[in-house]
Amino acid sequence: FLTDLYVGLAELHRERNDLEAATHQLQKGQEELSGQAAFLGSRARWCMAMARVRLAQGDPGGALELLQEAEGVARRDAFPEWRTPAALKARIWLGQGRLADSLGWAQTQNLSPDDALSYRREFDHITLAKILVAQYRQEQHEAQLQPAHLFLERLQQAAEVGERRGSQIEILLQQSLLYEGQGHSERAFTALEDALHLAEPENYSRLIIDEGQPILKLLKKLKVADARLQVYVHNLLLAFNQQPTDDQPAGSIVQPLIEPLSERELEVLQLVAEGLTNREIAQRLFLAVPTVKGHNRNIYSKLQAQRRTEAIARARDLGLLSD
């Protein structure tokens, strides 16, 4: 079914935070739906994918309307999907601070942290974990703590055995938030960094951005030594703040790098910023001068710069240079 193909492509673009490309794929999928009136599952999947794009665009109301439609379609189609419209609604409610509504959903689904785990219900169970973490962070009841920790550990083990990277990342993020809610900053940063190490190679974005301000607060404080991870974190921080504000016109927003700098390129860039010549950089790093020039070309290309001063300014905007 072509609609499902377009939905799959849209999900990939949305996860990488390319919302324009995701919307384009979903528009093509919508055109196919007119000839697929009998395939209710495709319609429901399209509504859910578009709802997630709307949510990423800052329109939770529009997202909830689409999920309401998806629920109606799903009821007519039995809809044996691992990701359900109702669970997505519960996640949106959490983001809106509607904890009671999210808890109500979990109760109607008879979900418990003691449930047997399965792939079919993993999305529901991770949603429940998010609710339990949010509940503890809000209410700070010690009795809520151990069940939440044990549940997250079981979920993480199951996702790791099944090699489901996206689920592993989500679970680690929740562990980070739970530790942070306890005041265990070091454990929170360790779990967050573990999540980022899993996320960076595939450039996961929305899984992290959709966690909102609590994760943003941790990201801003996180110190990482790995050069690639530093660039990834900078890009995530920029993606968190792509909407202009009153004191920041649209043209002043710094765009993240499409392709991150390598560790060697970051070393060369730092020495360039310190004012070293190509020959001095070559001597410092035990490289040939032509090799240094090649690194400079790559750096300029990735930073979309024409000269040294422009590259250094761009790198400073991105936070790629140490003080």
Protein backbone atom coordinates (compact mmCIF):
# COMPACT_ATOMS: atom_id res chain seq x y z
CA PHE A 1 0.00 0.00 0.00
CA LEU A 2 1.54 3.27 -1.12
CA THR A 3 0.03 5.25 1.73
CA ASP A 4 1.85 3.10 4.27
CA LEU A 5 5.10 3.60 2.33
CA TYR A 6 4.68 7.38 2.44
CA VAL A 7 3.80 7.21 6.15
CA GLY A 8 6.99 5.25 6.82
CA LEU A 9 9.10 7.80 4.95
CA ALA A 10 7.35 10.64 6.78
CA GLU A 11 8.16 9.04 10.13
CA LEU A 12 11.86 8.88 9.20
CA HIS A 13 11.89 12.56 8.20
CA ARG A 14 9.95 13.58 11.32
CA GLU A 15 12.35 11.73 13.61
CA ARG A 16 15.23 13.64 12.01
CA ASN A 17 13.22 16.83 12.60
CA ASP A 18 12.75 17.53 8.89
CA LEU A 19 9.09 18.42 9.29
CA GLU A 20 8.75 19.92 5.81
CA ALA A 21 9.85 16.67 4.17
CA ALA A 22 7.61 14.67 6.51
CA THR A 23 4.60 16.80 5.59
CA HIS A 24 5.38 16.40 1.88
CA GLN A 25 5.40 12.60 2.19
CA LEU A 26 2.13 12.64 4.12
CA GLN A 27 0.51 14.85 1.49
CA LYS A 28 1.43 12.25 -1.12
CA GLY A 29 0.03 9.55 1.15
CA GLN A 30 -3.21 11.47 1.53
CA GLU A 31 -3.62 11.53 -2.25
CA GLU A 32 -3.40 7.73 -2.28
CA LEU A 33 -5.99 7.37 0.48
CA SER A 34 -8.82 8.48 -1.80
CA GLY A 35 -8.44 5.21 -3.67
CA GLN A 36 -8.05 3.13 -0.50
CA ALA A 37 -11.36 3.67 1.25
CA ALA A 38 -11.47 0.03 2.38
CA PHE A 39 -8.04 0.08 3.99
CA LEU A 40 -8.95 1.64 7.30
CA GLY A 41 -5.62 0.69 8.88
CA SER A 42 -3.78 2.87 6.37
CA ARG A 43 -6.06 5.78 7.18
CA ALA A 44 -5.46 5.39 10.91
CA ARG A 45 -1.69 5.15 10.46
CA TRP A 46 -1.73 8.27 8.28
CA CYS A 47 -3.71 10.20 10.91
CA MET A 48 -1.27 9.20 13.65
CA ALA A 49 1.77 10.16 11.58
CA MET A 50 0.26 13.53 10.70
CA ALA A 51 -0.68 14.04 14.36
CA ARG A 52 2.95 13.57 15.38
CA VAL A 53 4.05 16.12 12.78
CA ARG A 54 1.41 18.59 13.99
CA LEU A 55 2.62 18.09 17.53
CA ALA A 56 6.22 18.73 16.47
CA GLN A 57 5.01 21.92 14.77
CA GLY A 58 3.54 23.13 18.06
CA ASP A 59 -0.11 22.28 17.35
CA PRO A 60 -1.22 19.78 20.05
CA GLY A 61 -4.87 20.66 19.44
CA GLY A 62 -4.61 19.68 15.78
CA ALA A 63 -2.74 16.54 16.77
CA LEU A 64 -5.48 15.49 19.20
CA GLU A 65 -8.16 16.00 16.53
CA LEU A 66 -6.29 13.71 14.15
CA LEU A 67 -5.85 11.10 16.87
CA GLN A 68 -9.57 11.26 17.62
CA GLU A 69 -10.21 10.43 13.96
CA ALA A 70 -7.62 7.64 14.09
CA GLU A 71 -9.35 6.13 17.13
CA GLY A 72 -12.67 6.06 15.30
CA VAL A 73 -11.09 4.35 12.30
CA ALA A 74 -9.18 1.92 14.51
CA ARG A 75 -12.35 0.76 16.25
CA ARG A 76 -13.79 -0.27 12.89
CA ASP A 77 -10.63 -2.07 11.79
CA ALA A 78 -9.65 -3.96 14.96
CA PHE A 79 -6.27 -2.20 14.44
CA PRO A 80 -3.75 -4.66 15.92
CA GLU A 81 -0.99 -2.04 15.95
CA TRP A 82 1.81 -1.75 18.50
CA ARG A 83 1.38 2.04 18.60
CA THR A 84 -2.19 3.12 19.34
CA PRO A 85 -3.90 6.51 18.94
CA ALA A 86 -4.99 6.43 22.59
CA ALA A 87 -1.41 6.03 23.83
CA LEU A 88 -0.29 8.94 21.67
CA LYS A 89 -3.08 11.05 23.14
CA ALA A 90 -1.88 10.16 26.64
CA ARG A 91 1.61 11.35 25.71
CA ILE A 92 0.26 14.65 24.42
CA TRP A 93 -1.73 15.13 27.63
CA LEU A 94 1.46 14.58 29.61
CA GLY A 95 3.16 17.31 27.60
CA GLN A 96 0.23 19.60 28.40
CA GLY A 97 0.55 18.90 32.12
CA ARG A 98 -2.67 16.85 32.17
CA LEU A 99 -1.29 14.10 34.42
CA ALA A 100 -4.73 13.05 35.69
CA ASP A 101 -5.96 12.43 32.13
CA SER A 102 -2.86 10.37 31.35
CA LEU A 103 -3.32 8.32 34.52
CA GLY A 104 -6.95 7.81 33.56
CA TRP A 105 -5.88 6.39 30.20
CA ALA A 106 -3.47 3.97 31.91
CA GLN A 107 -6.26 2.79 34.21
CA THR A 108 -8.71 2.22 31.35
CA GLN A 109 -6.03 0.13 29.61
CA ASN A 110 -5.43 -1.88 32.80
CA LEU A 111 -1.72 -1.10 32.56
CA SER A 112 0.58 -1.87 35.46
CA PRO A 113 4.36 -1.75 36.01
CA ASP A 114 4.05 -5.43 36.99
CA ASP A 115 2.66 -6.46 33.57
CA ALA A 116 4.35 -9.13 31.49
CA LEU A 117 6.22 -7.31 28.72
CA SER A 118 5.78 -7.86 24.99
CA TYR A 119 6.67 -6.04 21.78
CA ARG A 120 2.98 -5.59 20.97
CA ARG A 121 2.43 -3.54 24.13
CA GLU A 122 5.84 -1.89 24.38
CA PHE A 123 4.63 1.53 23.22
CA ASP A 124 1.83 1.45 25.80
CA HIS A 125 4.23 0.36 28.52
CA ILE A 126 6.79 3.06 27.70
CA THR A 127 3.91 5.54 27.77
CA LEU A 128 3.01 4.22 31.23
CA ALA A 129 6.64 4.64 32.30
CA LYS A 130 6.56 8.27 31.14
CA ILE A 131 3.41 8.79 33.22
CA LEU A 132 4.96 7.22 36.32
CA VAL A 133 8.11 9.35 35.98
CA ALA A 134 6.04 12.52 35.52
CA GLN A 135 3.90 11.57 38.52
CA TYR A 136 6.95 11.11 40.77
CA ARG A 137 8.56 14.35 39.57
CA GLN A 138 5.34 16.20 40.37
CA GLU A 139 4.26 14.51 43.61
CA GLN A 140 7.62 13.31 45.04
CA HIS A 141 6.06 10.33 46.85
CA GLU A 142 8.78 7.85 47.83
CA ALA A 143 6.39 4.92 47.36
CA GLN A 144 6.26 5.71 43.63
CA LEU A 145 10.01 5.53 43.18
CA GLN A 146 10.99 1.87 43.37
CA PRO A 147 8.16 0.59 41.11
CA ALA A 148 9.12 3.17 38.48
CA HIS A 149 12.82 2.25 38.61
CA LEU A 150 12.15 -1.49 38.43
CA PHE A 151 9.69 -1.03 35.56
CA LEU A 152 12.19 1.03 33.57
CA GLU A 153 14.92 -1.57 34.17
CA ARG A 154 12.66 -4.36 32.89
CA LEU A 155 11.66 -2.32 29.86
CA GLN A 156 15.29 -1.52 29.08
CA GLN A 157 16.32 -5.17 29.29
CA ALA A 158 13.50 -6.22 26.95
CA ALA A 159 14.30 -3.49 24.43
CA GLU A 160 18.00 -4.34 24.54
CA VAL A 161 17.36 -8.05 23.94
CA GLY A 162 15.07 -7.14 21.03
CA GLU A 163 17.63 -4.64 19.68
CA ARG A 164 14.98 -1.91 19.53
CA ARG A 165 17.18 1.17 19.64
CA GLY A 166 14.42 3.76 19.60
CA SER A 167 12.79 2.16 22.64
CA GLN A 168 16.13 1.94 24.44
CA ILE A 169 16.67 5.67 23.90
CA GLU A 170 13.21 6.58 25.20
CA ILE A 171 13.65 4.41 28.29
CA LEU A 172 17.09 5.83 29.09
CA LEU A 173 15.66 9.34 28.81
CA GLN A 174 12.98 8.42 31.35
CA GLN A 175 15.61 6.94 33.66
CA SER A 176 17.55 10.19 33.37
CA LEU A 177 14.48 12.25 34.26
CA LEU A 178 13.64 9.98 37.19
CA TYR A 179 17.15 10.28 38.61
CA GLU A 180 17.06 14.04 38.09
CA GLY A 181 13.75 14.18 39.95
CA GLN A 182 15.44 12.41 42.87
CA GLY A 183 18.28 14.91 42.86
CA HIS A 184 20.81 12.33 41.61
CA SER A 185 22.41 14.54 38.98
CA GLU A 186 25.37 12.31 38.11
CA ARG A 187 23.16 9.28 37.48
CA ALA A 188 20.83 11.47 35.44
CA PHE A 189 23.70 12.67 33.25
CA THR A 190 25.04 9.12 32.84
CA ALA A 191 21.66 7.82 31.63
CA LEU A 192 21.27 10.82 29.32
CA GLU A 193 24.73 10.34 27.83
CA ASP A 194 24.00 6.63 27.30
CA ALA A 195 20.85 7.63 25.41
CA LEU A 196 22.79 10.11 23.27
CA HIS A 197 25.45 7.53 22.40
CA LEU A 198 22.68 5.30 21.05
CA ALA A 199 20.88 8.16 19.29
CA GLU A 200 23.78 9.99 17.60
CA PRO A 201 24.76 7.39 14.93
CA GLU A 202 21.22 7.39 13.47
CA ASN A 203 20.62 11.09 14.17
CA TYR A 204 17.54 10.58 16.32
CA SER A 205 16.07 13.98 17.12
CA ARG A 206 12.36 14.06 17.91
CA LEU A 207 12.61 11.28 20.52
CA ILE A 208 14.73 13.70 22.52
CA ILE A 209 13.17 17.03 21.54
CA ASP A 210 9.66 15.77 22.30
CA GLU A 211 10.64 15.30 25.96
CA GLY A 212 10.56 19.08 26.20
CA GLN A 213 11.96 21.36 28.87
CA PRO A 214 13.01 18.73 31.46
CA ILE A 215 15.45 17.10 29.00
CA LEU A 216 16.49 20.49 27.61
CA LYS A 217 17.48 21.54 31.13
CA LEU A 218 19.71 18.45 31.46
CA LEU A 219 21.18 18.81 27.97
CA LYS A 220 22.27 22.36 28.71
CA LYS A 221 24.23 21.17 31.75
CA LEU A 222 25.65 17.98 30.21
CA LYS A 223 29.42 17.88 29.65
CA VAL A 224 30.60 15.30 27.11
CA ALA A 225 34.17 14.52 26.06
CA ASP A 226 33.40 12.77 22.78
CA ALA A 227 33.77 15.23 19.87
CA ARG A 228 31.00 13.76 17.71
CA LEU A 229 28.65 13.74 20.67
CA GLN A 230 29.48 17.39 21.37
CA VAL A 231 28.34 18.35 17.87
CA TYR A 232 25.22 16.20 18.22
CA VAL A 233 24.30 17.85 21.52
CA HIS A 234 24.84 21.32 20.01
CA ASN A 235 22.54 20.44 17.12
CA LEU A 236 19.89 19.17 19.52
CA LEU A 237 20.08 22.36 21.56
CA LEU A 238 19.67 24.42 18.41
CA ALA A 239 16.73 22.30 17.31
CA PHE A 240 15.04 22.95 20.66
CA ASN A 241 15.08 26.67 19.86
CA GLN A 242 14.37 27.03 16.15
CA GLN A 243 11.40 29.38 16.60
CA PRO A 244 12.37 33.10 16.59
CA THR A 245 11.59 35.23 19.63
CA ASP A 246 10.91 38.94 19.95
CA ASP A 247 14.59 39.68 20.54
CA GLN A 248 15.84 37.13 18.02
CA PRO A 249 14.69 37.74 14.43
CA ALA A 250 14.27 34.72 12.18
CA GLY A 251 17.43 35.45 10.24
CA SER A 252 19.57 35.25 13.37
CA ILE A 253 18.73 31.65 14.24
CA VAL A 254 21.79 29.44 13.95
CA GLN A 255 21.12 26.35 11.84
CA PRO A 256 22.64 23.03 13.00
CA LEU A 257 25.27 21.23 10.96
CA ILE A 258 23.93 18.81 8.36
CA GLU A 259 27.12 16.74 8.69
CA PRO A 260 29.10 16.87 11.96
CA LEU A 261 32.82 17.57 12.06
CA SER A 262 35.12 14.64 12.72
CA GLU A 263 37.34 14.56 15.81
CA ARG A 264 40.38 15.44 13.70
CA GLU A 265 38.52 18.32 12.02
CA LEU A 266 37.55 19.67 15.44
CA GLU A 267 41.22 19.55 16.48
CA VAL A 268 42.25 21.43 13.34
CA LEU A 269 39.43 23.95 13.80
CA GLN A 270 40.52 24.69 17.36
CA LEU A 271 44.08 25.38 16.22
CA VAL A 272 42.82 27.55 13.36
CA ALA A 273 40.86 29.59 15.91
CA GLU A 274 44.05 29.96 17.97
CA GLY A 275 45.69 31.61 14.96
CA LEU A 276 48.08 28.85 13.88
CA THR A 277 49.13 28.63 10.22
CA ASN A 278 48.64 25.46 8.20
CA ARG A 279 52.33 24.61 8.62
CA GLU A 280 52.15 25.13 12.39
CA ILE A 281 49.03 22.98 12.60
CA ALA A 282 50.77 20.27 10.60
CA GLN A 283 53.71 20.31 12.99
CA ARG A 284 51.48 20.29 16.07
CA LEU A 285 49.40 17.33 14.86
CA PHE A 286 52.21 15.49 13.02
CA LEU A 287 50.42 15.81 9.68
CA ALA A 288 51.48 16.79 6.18
CA VAL A 289 50.56 20.34 5.14
CA PRO A 290 48.36 19.11 2.24
CA THR A 291 46.46 16.95 4.75
CA VAL A 292 45.79 19.99 6.92
CA LYS A 293 44.57 21.91 3.86
CA GLY A 294 42.23 19.03 3.07
CA HIS A 295 40.81 19.15 6.59
CA ASN A 296 40.31 22.91 6.20
CA ARG A 297 38.35 22.39 2.97
CA ASN A 298 36.08 19.88 4.73
CA ILE A 299 35.63 22.22 7.69
CA TYR A 300 34.71 25.17 5.48
CA SER A 301 32.27 23.02 3.52
CA LYS A 302 30.51 21.65 6.61
CA LEU A 303 30.37 25.09 8.25
CA GLN A 304 29.27 26.67 4.96
CA ALA A 305 32.10 29.18 5.24
CA GLN A 306 34.38 30.73 2.60
CA ARG A 307 37.31 31.87 4.78
CA ARG A 308 38.95 31.36 8.15
CA THR A 309 37.25 34.24 9.96
CA GLU A 310 33.83 33.14 8.75
CA ALA A 311 34.47 29.52 9.78
CA ILE A 312 35.63 30.59 13.25
CA ALA A 313 32.58 32.83 13.75
CA ARG A 314 30.23 30.05 12.67
CA ALA A 315 32.00 27.56 14.96
CA ARG A 316 31.67 29.94 17.90
CA ASP A 317 27.94 30.33 17.21
CA LEU A 318 27.62 26.54 17.29
CA GLY A 319 29.67 26.26 20.47
CA LEU A 320 32.28 24.05 18.82
CA LEU A 321 35.30 25.92 20.20
CA SER A 322 36.64 25.64 23.73
CA ASP A 323 37.36 28.85 25.58
